[in-house]
């Protein structure tokens, strides 16, 4: 863990609280990022008939109009992360 106590003594309270805010955002958002990628990347790339390759397979637009039910994973995760 990053020790932010010396920052308070050397740079003042503004820098200390900014570093604490950044750490809090990392603790909150990094697990959400990894969890969402573990679910959304396979959902978006699976059974793609759009002909996209490489990193383009993982884009939101890779889901064809015939497979729009796969967007449900996106909206479920949005609701899950918003309601936490």
PDB file of N, CA and C in Angstrom:
ATOM      1  N   UNK A   1       0.843  -1.186   0.000  1.00  0.00           N
ATOM      2  CA  UNK A   1       0.000   0.000   0.000  1.00  0.00           C
ATOM      3  C   UNK A   1       0.881   1.239   0.000  1.00  0.00           C
ATOM      4  N   UNK A   2       0.461   2.230  -0.717  1.00  0.00           N
ATOM      5  CA  UNK A   2       1.190   3.488  -0.792  1.00  0.00           C
ATOM      6  C   UNK A   2       1.031   4.231   0.517  1.00  0.00           C
ATOM      7  N   UNK A   3       2.126   4.645   1.069  1.00  0.00           N
ATOM      8  CA  UNK A   3       2.093   5.387   2.329  1.00  0.00           C
ATOM      9  C   UNK A   3       1.942   6.868   2.008  1.00  0.00           C
ATOM     10  N   UNK A   4       0.787   7.420   2.327  1.00  0.00           N
ATOM     11  CA  UNK A   4       0.509   8.808   1.970  1.00  0.00           C
ATOM     12  C   UNK A   4       0.738   9.769   3.131  1.00  0.00           C
ATOM     13  N   UNK A   5       1.100   9.258   4.274  1.00  0.00           N
ATOM     14  CA  UNK A   5       1.327  10.118   5.442  1.00  0.00           C
ATOM     15  C   UNK A   5       2.466  11.119   5.236  1.00  0.00           C
ATOM     16  N   UNK A   6       3.627  10.740   4.662  1.00  0.00           N
ATOM     17  CA  UNK A   6       4.688  11.739   4.447  1.00  0.00           C
ATOM     18  C   UNK A   6       4.275  12.859   3.493  1.00  0.00           C
ATOM     19  N   UNK A   7       3.356  12.583   2.591  1.00  0.00           N
ATOM     20  CA  UNK A   7       2.906  13.625   1.658  1.00  0.00           C
ATOM     21  C   UNK A   7       2.247  14.764   2.420  1.00  0.00           C
ATOM     22  N   UNK A   8       1.515  14.428   3.479  1.00  0.00           N
ATOM     23  CA  UNK A   8       0.838  15.457   4.263  1.00  0.00           C
ATOM     24  C   UNK A   8       1.856  16.388   4.922  1.00  0.00           C
ATOM     25  N   UNK A   9       2.940  15.831   5.401  1.00  0.00           N
ATOM     26  CA  UNK A   9       3.937  16.654   6.092  1.00  0.00           C
ATOM     27  C   UNK A   9       4.813  17.447   5.122  1.00  0.00           C
ATOM     28  N   UNK A  10       5.057  16.875   3.950  1.00  0.00           N
ATOM     29  CA  UNK A  10       5.943  17.540   3.001  1.00  0.00           C
ATOM     30  C   UNK A  10       5.210  18.513   2.078  1.00  0.00           C
ATOM     31  N   UNK A  11       3.996  18.174   1.650  1.00  0.00           N
ATOM     32  CA  UNK A  11       3.318  18.970   0.635  1.00  0.00           C
ATOM     33  C   UNK A  11       2.036  19.625   1.111  1.00  0.00           C
ATOM     34  N   UNK A  12       1.532  19.244   2.257  1.00  0.00           N
ATOM     35  CA  UNK A  12       0.319  19.859   2.771  1.00  0.00           C
ATOM     36  C   UNK A  12      -0.904  18.982   2.579  1.00  0.00           C
ATOM     37  N   UNK A  13      -2.015  19.493   3.098  1.00  0.00           N
ATOM     38  CA  UNK A  13      -3.251  18.723   3.096  1.00  0.00           C
ATOM     39  C   UNK A  13      -3.869  18.570   1.711  1.00  0.00           C
ATOM     40  N   UNK A  14      -3.694  19.554   0.831  1.00  0.00           N
ATOM     41  CA  UNK A  14      -4.259  19.439  -0.512  1.00  0.00           C
ATOM     42  C   UNK A  14      -3.684  18.232  -1.248  1.00  0.00           C
ATOM     43  N   UNK A  15      -2.372  18.108  -1.249  1.00  0.00           N
ATOM     44  CA  UNK A  15      -1.730  16.980  -1.926  1.00  0.00           C
ATOM     45  C   UNK A  15      -2.079  15.662  -1.230  1.00  0.00           C
ATOM     46  N   UNK A  16      -2.155  15.665   0.077  1.00  0.00           N
ATOM     47  CA  UNK A  16      -2.490  14.461   0.832  1.00  0.00           C
ATOM     48  C   UNK A  16      -3.885  13.952   0.474  1.00  0.00           C
ATOM     49  N   UNK A  17      -4.867  14.844   0.478  1.00  0.00           N
ATOM     50  CA  UNK A  17      -6.227  14.414   0.169  1.00  0.00           C
ATOM     51  C   UNK A  17      -6.384  14.044  -1.305  1.00  0.00           C
ATOM     52  N   UNK A  18      -5.611  14.655  -2.192  1.00  0.00           N
ATOM     53  CA  UNK A  18      -5.658  14.266  -3.594  1.00  0.00           C
ATOM     54  C   UNK A  18      -5.128  12.848  -3.783  1.00  0.00           C
ATOM     55  N   UNK A  19      -4.031  12.525  -3.119  1.00  0.00           N
ATOM     56  CA  UNK A  19      -3.474  11.172  -3.210  1.00  0.00           C
ATOM     57  C   UNK A  19      -4.431  10.169  -2.592  1.00  0.00           C
ATOM     58  N   UNK A  20      -5.049  10.520  -1.471  1.00  0.00           N
ATOM     59  CA  UNK A  20      -6.041   9.628  -0.853  1.00  0.00           C
ATOM     60  C   UNK A  20      -7.244   9.413  -1.776  1.00  0.00           C
ATOM     61  N   UNK A  21      -7.670  10.456  -2.465  1.00  0.00           N
ATOM     62  CA  UNK A  21      -8.771  10.337  -3.422  1.00  0.00           C
ATOM     63  C   UNK A  21      -8.397   9.403  -4.562  1.00  0.00           C
ATOM     64  N   UNK A  22      -7.176   9.543  -5.101  1.00  0.00           N
ATOM     65  CA  UNK A  22      -6.735   8.665  -6.179  1.00  0.00           C
ATOM     66  C   UNK A  22      -6.675   7.211  -5.725  1.00  0.00           C
ATOM     67  N   UNK A  23      -6.188   6.976  -4.518  1.00  0.00           N
ATOM     68  CA  UNK A  23      -6.151   5.611  -3.994  1.00  0.00           C
ATOM     69  C   UNK A  23      -7.550   5.039  -3.824  1.00  0.00           C
ATOM     70  N   UNK A  24      -8.474   5.843  -3.334  1.00  0.00           N
ATOM     71  CA  UNK A  24      -9.849   5.386  -3.160  1.00  0.00           C
ATOM     72  C   UNK A  24     -10.473   5.034  -4.517  1.00  0.00           C
ATOM     73  N   UNK A  25     -10.213   5.847  -5.537  1.00  0.00           N
ATOM     74  CA  UNK A  25     -10.744   5.554  -6.863  1.00  0.00           C
ATOM     75  C   UNK A  25     -10.145   4.262  -7.424  1.00  0.00           C
ATOM     76  N   UNK A  26      -8.872   4.014  -7.156  1.00  0.00           N
ATOM     77  CA  UNK A  26      -8.255   2.759  -7.611  1.00  0.00           C
ATOM     78  C   UNK A  26      -8.879   1.565  -6.909  1.00  0.00           C
ATOM     79  N   UNK A  27      -9.118   1.668  -5.613  1.00  0.00           N
ATOM     80  CA  UNK A  27      -9.736   0.561  -4.868  1.00  0.00           C
ATOM     81  C   UNK A  27     -11.151   0.274  -5.353  1.00  0.00           C
ATOM     82  N   UNK A  28     -11.860   1.288  -5.784  1.00  0.00           N
ATOM     83  CA  UNK A  28     -13.238   1.105  -6.234  1.00  0.00           C
ATOM     84  C   UNK A  28     -13.292   0.670  -7.699  1.00  0.00           C
ATOM     85  N   UNK A  29     -12.546   1.334  -8.564  1.00  0.00           N
ATOM     86  CA  UNK A  29     -12.723   1.149 -10.002  1.00  0.00           C
ATOM     87  C   UNK A  29     -11.912   0.001 -10.603  1.00  0.00           C
ATOM     88  N   UNK A  30     -10.763  -0.344 -10.045  1.00  0.00           N
ATOM     89  CA  UNK A  30      -9.982  -1.439 -10.618  1.00  0.00           C
ATOM     90  C   UNK A  30     -10.700  -2.783 -10.537  1.00  0.00           C
ATOM     91  N   UNK A  31     -11.310  -3.146  -9.403  1.00  0.00           N
ATOM     92  CA  UNK A  31     -12.064  -4.411  -9.401  1.00  0.00           C
ATOM     93  C   UNK A  31     -13.240  -4.400 -10.377  1.00  0.00           C
ATOM     94  N   UNK A  32     -13.912  -3.274 -10.512  1.00  0.00           N
ATOM     95  CA  UNK A  32     -15.012  -3.170 -11.471  1.00  0.00           C
ATOM     96  C   UNK A  32     -14.478  -3.350 -12.890  1.00  0.00           C
ATOM     97  N   UNK A  33     -13.332  -2.771 -13.181  1.00  0.00           N
ATOM     98  CA  UNK A  33     -12.736  -2.877 -14.506  1.00  0.00           C
ATOM     99  C   UNK A  33     -12.402  -4.331 -14.844  1.00  0.00           C
ATOM    100  N   UNK A  34     -11.725  -5.030 -13.935  1.00  0.00           N
ATOM    101  CA  UNK A  34     -11.353  -6.421 -14.197  1.00  0.00           C
ATOM    102  C   UNK A  34     -12.580  -7.321 -14.310  1.00  0.00           C
ATOM    103  N   UNK A  35     -13.555  -7.126 -13.449  1.00  0.00           N
ATOM    104  CA  UNK A  35     -14.768  -7.937 -13.473  1.00  0.00           C
ATOM    105  C   UNK A  35     -15.545  -7.719 -14.769  1.00  0.00           C
ATOM    106  N   UNK A  36     -15.671  -6.466 -15.177  1.00  0.00           N
ATOM    107  CA  UNK A  36     -16.429  -6.187 -16.404  1.00  0.00           C
ATOM    108  C   UNK A  36     -15.695  -6.702 -17.637  1.00  0.00           C
ATOM    109  N   UNK A  37     -14.379  -6.593 -17.676  1.00  0.00           N
ATOM    110  CA  UNK A  37     -13.640  -7.112 -18.825  1.00  0.00           C
ATOM    111  C   UNK A  37     -13.731  -8.626 -18.908  1.00  0.00           C
ATOM    112  N   UNK A  38     -13.714  -9.297 -17.765  1.00  0.00           N
ATOM    113  CA  UNK A  38     -13.792 -10.757 -17.761  1.00  0.00           C
ATOM    114  C   UNK A  38     -15.132 -11.230 -18.320  1.00  0.00           C
ATOM    115  N   UNK A  39     -16.160 -10.434 -18.190  1.00  0.00           N
ATOM    116  CA  UNK A  39     -17.479 -10.814 -18.698  1.00  0.00           C
ATOM    117  C   UNK A  39     -17.719 -10.274 -20.100  1.00  0.00           C
ATOM    118  N   UNK A  40     -17.415  -8.998 -20.333  1.00  0.00           N
ATOM    119  CA  UNK A  40     -17.814  -8.363 -21.597  1.00  0.00           C
ATOM    120  C   UNK A  40     -16.929  -8.710 -22.785  1.00  0.00           C
ATOM    121  N   UNK A  41     -15.656  -8.967 -22.578  1.00  0.00           N
ATOM    122  CA  UNK A  41     -14.807  -9.297 -23.728  1.00  0.00           C
ATOM    123  C   UNK A  41     -15.227 -10.599 -24.393  1.00  0.00           C
ATOM    124  N   UNK A  42     -15.451 -11.685 -23.650  1.00  0.00           N
ATOM    125  CA  UNK A  42     -15.929 -12.901 -24.341  1.00  0.00           C
ATOM    126  C   UNK A  42     -17.327 -12.752 -24.933  1.00  0.00           C
ATOM    127  N   UNK A  43     -18.207 -12.015 -24.252  1.00  0.00           N
ATOM    128  CA  UNK A  43     -19.565 -11.833 -24.776  1.00  0.00           C
ATOM    129  C   UNK A  43     -19.536 -11.072 -26.091  1.00  0.00           C
ATOM    130  N   UNK A  44     -18.704 -10.075 -26.173  1.00  0.00           N
ATOM    131  CA  UNK A  44     -18.651  -9.242 -27.377  1.00  0.00           C
ATOM    132  C   UNK A  44     -17.927  -9.946 -28.521  1.00  0.00           C
ATOM    133  N   UNK A  45     -16.910 -10.748 -28.226  1.00  0.00           N
ATOM    134  CA  UNK A  45     -16.110 -11.363 -29.285  1.00  0.00           C
ATOM    135  C   UNK A  45     -16.645 -12.710 -29.749  1.00  0.00           C
ATOM    136  N   UNK A  46     -17.486 -13.376 -28.987  1.00  0.00           N
ATOM    137  CA  UNK A  46     -17.932 -14.730 -29.322  1.00  0.00           C
ATOM    138  C   UNK A  46     -18.874 -14.729 -30.523  1.00  0.00           C
ATOM    139  N   UNK A  47     -18.688 -15.713 -31.380  1.00  0.00           N
ATOM    140  CA  UNK A  47     -19.566 -15.937 -32.536  1.00  0.00           C
ATOM    141  C   UNK A  47     -19.794 -14.681 -33.366  1.00  0.00           C
ATOM    142  N   UNK A  48     -18.740 -13.993 -33.648  1.00  0.00           N
ATOM    143  CA  UNK A  48     -18.857 -12.763 -34.429  1.00  0.00           C
ATOM    144  C   UNK A  48     -18.933 -13.097 -35.910  1.00  0.00           C
ATOM    145  N   UNK A  49     -19.925 -12.581 -36.584  1.00  0.00           N
ATOM    146  CA  UNK A  49     -20.025 -12.783 -38.027  1.00  0.00           C
ATOM    147  C   UNK A  49     -19.809 -11.479 -38.790  1.00  0.00           C
ATOM    148  N   UNK A  50     -19.209 -10.500 -38.119  1.00  0.00           N
ATOM    149  CA  UNK A  50     -18.983  -9.214 -38.774  1.00  0.00           C
ATOM    150  C   UNK A  50     -17.674  -9.180 -39.549  1.00  0.00           C
ATOM    151  N   UNK A  51     -16.822 -10.182 -39.376  1.00  0.00           N
ATOM    152  CA  UNK A  51     -15.567 -10.237 -40.112  1.00  0.00           C
ATOM    153  C   UNK A  51     -14.453  -9.407 -39.510  1.00  0.00           C
ATOM    154  N   UNK A  52     -14.652  -8.885 -38.320  1.00  0.00           N
ATOM    155  CA  UNK A  52     -13.615  -8.078 -37.686  1.00  0.00           C
ATOM    156  C   UNK A  52     -12.576  -8.984 -37.039  1.00  0.00           C
ATOM    157  N   UNK A  53     -11.326  -8.521 -37.043  1.00  0.00           N
ATOM    158  CA  UNK A  53     -10.237  -9.295 -36.466  1.00  0.00           C
ATOM    159  C   UNK A  53      -9.457  -8.432 -35.498  1.00  0.00           C
ATOM    160  N   UNK A  54      -8.581  -9.054 -34.743  1.00  0.00           N
ATOM    161  CA  UNK A  54      -7.723  -8.337 -33.818  1.00  0.00           C
ATOM    162  C   UNK A  54      -8.519  -7.685 -32.706  1.00  0.00           C
ATOM    163  N   UNK A  55      -8.113  -6.496 -32.329  1.00  0.00           N
ATOM    164  CA  UNK A  55      -8.790  -5.781 -31.246  1.00  0.00           C
ATOM    165  C   UNK A  55     -10.173  -5.286 -31.652  1.00  0.00           C
ATOM    166  N   UNK A  56     -10.447  -5.224 -32.950  1.00  0.00           N
ATOM    167  CA  UNK A  56     -11.772  -4.805 -33.406  1.00  0.00           C
ATOM    168  C   UNK A  56     -12.857  -5.791 -32.990  1.00  0.00           C
ATOM    169  N   UNK A  57     -12.467  -7.041 -32.690  1.00  0.00           N
ATOM    170  CA  UNK A  57     -13.450  -8.027 -32.248  1.00  0.00           C
ATOM    171  C   UNK A  57     -14.084  -7.642 -30.917  1.00  0.00           C
ATOM    172  N   UNK A  58     -13.396  -6.844 -30.118  1.00  0.00           N
ATOM    173  CA  UNK A  58     -13.855  -6.514 -28.774  1.00  0.00           C
ATOM    174  C   UNK A  58     -14.625  -5.202 -28.700  1.00  0.00           C
ATOM    175  N   UNK A  59     -14.906  -4.585 -29.829  1.00  0.00           N
ATOM    176  CA  UNK A  59     -15.629  -3.317 -29.809  1.00  0.00           C
ATOM    177  C   UNK A  59     -17.120  -3.546 -29.652  1.00  0.00           C
ATOM    178  N   UNK A  60     -17.796  -2.519 -29.181  1.00  0.00           N
ATOM    179  CA  UNK A  60     -19.240  -2.572 -28.960  1.00  0.00           C
ATOM    180  C   UNK A  60     -19.980  -2.787 -30.274  1.00  0.00           C
ATOM    181  N   UNK A  61     -19.435  -2.302 -31.353  1.00  0.00           N
ATOM    182  CA  UNK A  61     -20.063  -2.427 -32.653  1.00  0.00           C
ATOM    183  C   UNK A  61     -19.844  -3.766 -33.321  1.00  0.00           C
ATOM    184  N   UNK A  62     -19.144  -4.676 -32.686  1.00  0.00           N
ATOM    185  CA  UNK A  62     -18.900  -5.989 -33.256  1.00  0.00           C
ATOM    186  C   UNK A  62     -20.137  -6.886 -33.194  1.00  0.00           C
ATOM    187  N   UNK A  63     -21.102  -6.541 -32.381  1.00  0.00           N
ATOM    188  CA  UNK A  63     -22.311  -7.347 -32.243  1.00  0.00           C
ATOM    189  C   UNK A  63     -23.237  -7.028 -33.417  1.00  0.00           C
ATOM    190  N   UNK A  64     -23.579  -8.061 -34.171  1.00  0.00           N
ATOM    191  CA  UNK A  64     -24.397  -7.852 -35.368  1.00  0.00           C
ATOM    192  C   UNK A  64     -25.851  -7.569 -34.992  1.00  0.00           C
ATOM    193  N   UNK A  65     -26.621  -6.986 -35.886  1.00  0.00           N
ATOM    194  CA  UNK A  65     -28.033  -6.699 -35.594  1.00  0.00           C
ATOM    195  C   UNK A  65     -28.857  -7.941 -35.290  1.00  0.00           C
ATOM    196  N   UNK A  66     -28.438  -9.108 -35.782  1.00  0.00           N
ATOM    197  CA  UNK A  66     -29.180 -10.339 -35.490  1.00  0.00           C
ATOM    198  C   UNK A  66     -28.897 -10.880 -34.090  1.00  0.00           C
ATOM    199  N   UNK A  67     -27.869 -10.384 -33.417  1.00  0.00           N
ATOM    200  CA  UNK A  67     -27.483 -10.896 -32.103  1.00  0.00           C
ATOM    201  C   UNK A  67     -27.583  -9.821 -31.025  1.00  0.00           C
ATOM    202  N   UNK A  68     -28.554  -8.957 -31.116  1.00  0.00           N
ATOM    203  CA  UNK A  68     -28.636  -7.839 -30.190  1.00  0.00           C
ATOM    204  C   UNK A  68     -28.991  -8.250 -28.771  1.00  0.00           C
ATOM    205  N   UNK A  69     -29.409  -9.479 -28.555  1.00  0.00           N
ATOM    206  CA  UNK A  69     -29.664  -9.928 -27.191  1.00  0.00           C
ATOM    207  C   UNK A  69     -28.376 -10.001 -26.369  1.00  0.00           C
ATOM    208  N   UNK A  70     -27.227  -9.988 -27.043  1.00  0.00           N
ATOM    209  CA  UNK A  70     -25.948  -9.975 -26.320  1.00  0.00           C
ATOM    210  C   UNK A  70     -25.683  -8.637 -25.636  1.00  0.00           C
ATOM    211  N   UNK A  71     -26.406  -7.599 -26.037  1.00  0.00           N
ATOM    212  CA  UNK A  71     -26.273  -6.316 -25.346  1.00  0.00           C
ATOM    213  C   UNK A  71     -26.822  -6.393 -23.919  1.00  0.00           C
ATOM    214  N   UNK A  72     -27.563  -7.421 -23.601  1.00  0.00           N
ATOM    215  CA  UNK A  72     -28.106  -7.578 -22.250  1.00  0.00           C
ATOM    216  C   UNK A  72     -26.989  -7.654 -21.216  1.00  0.00           C
ATOM    217  N   UNK A  73     -25.879  -8.281 -21.554  1.00  0.00           N
ATOM    218  CA  UNK A  73     -24.753  -8.362 -20.620  1.00  0.00           C
ATOM    219  C   UNK A  73     -24.227  -6.968 -20.282  1.00  0.00           C
ATOM    220  N   UNK A  74     -24.187  -6.098 -21.268  1.00  0.00           N
ATOM    221  CA  UNK A  74     -23.716  -4.734 -21.040  1.00  0.00           C
ATOM    222  C   UNK A  74     -24.646  -3.989 -20.089  1.00  0.00           C
ATOM    223  N   UNK A  75     -25.938  -4.074 -20.343  1.00  0.00           N
ATOM    224  CA  UNK A  75     -26.883  -3.307 -19.526  1.00  0.00           C
ATOM    225  C   UNK A  75     -27.003  -3.892 -18.119  1.00  0.00           C
ATOM    226  N   UNK A  76     -26.875  -5.209 -17.983  1.00  0.00           N
ATOM    227  CA  UNK A  76     -26.927  -5.829 -16.645  1.00  0.00           C
ATOM    228  C   UNK A  76     -25.736  -5.374 -15.812  1.00  0.00           C
ATOM    229  N   UNK A  77     -24.570  -5.311 -16.412  1.00  0.00           N
ATOM    230  CA  UNK A  77     -23.395  -4.845 -15.674  1.00  0.00           C
ATOM    231  C   UNK A  77     -23.504  -3.366 -15.321  1.00  0.00           C
ATOM    232  N   UNK A  78     -24.084  -2.583 -16.206  1.00  0.00           N
ATOM    233  CA  UNK A  78     -24.279  -1.156 -15.897  1.00  0.00           C
ATOM    234  C   UNK A  78     -25.177  -1.016 -14.674  1.00  0.00           C
ATOM    235  N   UNK A  79     -26.280  -1.745 -14.658  1.00  0.00           N
ATOM    236  CA  UNK A  79     -27.194  -1.693 -13.506  1.00  0.00           C
ATOM    237  C   UNK A  79     -26.524  -2.215 -12.243  1.00  0.00           C
ATOM    238  N   UNK A  80     -25.756  -3.287 -12.370  1.00  0.00           N
ATOM    239  CA  UNK A  80     -25.085  -3.873 -11.217  1.00  0.00           C
ATOM    240  C   UNK A  80     -24.072  -2.898 -10.607  1.00  0.00           C
ATOM    241  N   UNK A  81     -23.257  -2.273 -11.455  1.00  0.00           N
ATOM    242  CA  UNK A  81     -22.233  -1.366 -10.947  1.00  0.00           C
ATOM    243  C   UNK A  81     -22.811  -0.047 -10.458  1.00  0.00           C
ATOM    244  N   UNK A  82     -23.921   0.382 -11.031  1.00  0.00           N
ATOM    245  CA  UNK A  82     -24.536   1.638 -10.595  1.00  0.00           C
ATOM    246  C   UNK A  82     -25.240   1.475  -9.265  1.00  0.00           C
ATOM    247  N   UNK A  83     -25.823   0.330  -9.038  1.00  0.00           N
ATOM    248  CA  UNK A  83     -26.590   0.105  -7.812  1.00  0.00           C
ATOM    249  C   UNK A  83     -25.746  -0.360  -6.634  1.00  0.00           C
ATOM    250  N   UNK A  84     -24.478  -0.577  -6.808  1.00  0.00           N
ATOM    251  CA  UNK A  84     -23.629  -1.043  -5.709  1.00  0.00           C
ATOM    252  C   UNK A  84     -23.542  -0.042  -4.610  1.00  0.00           C
TER     253      UNK A  84
END
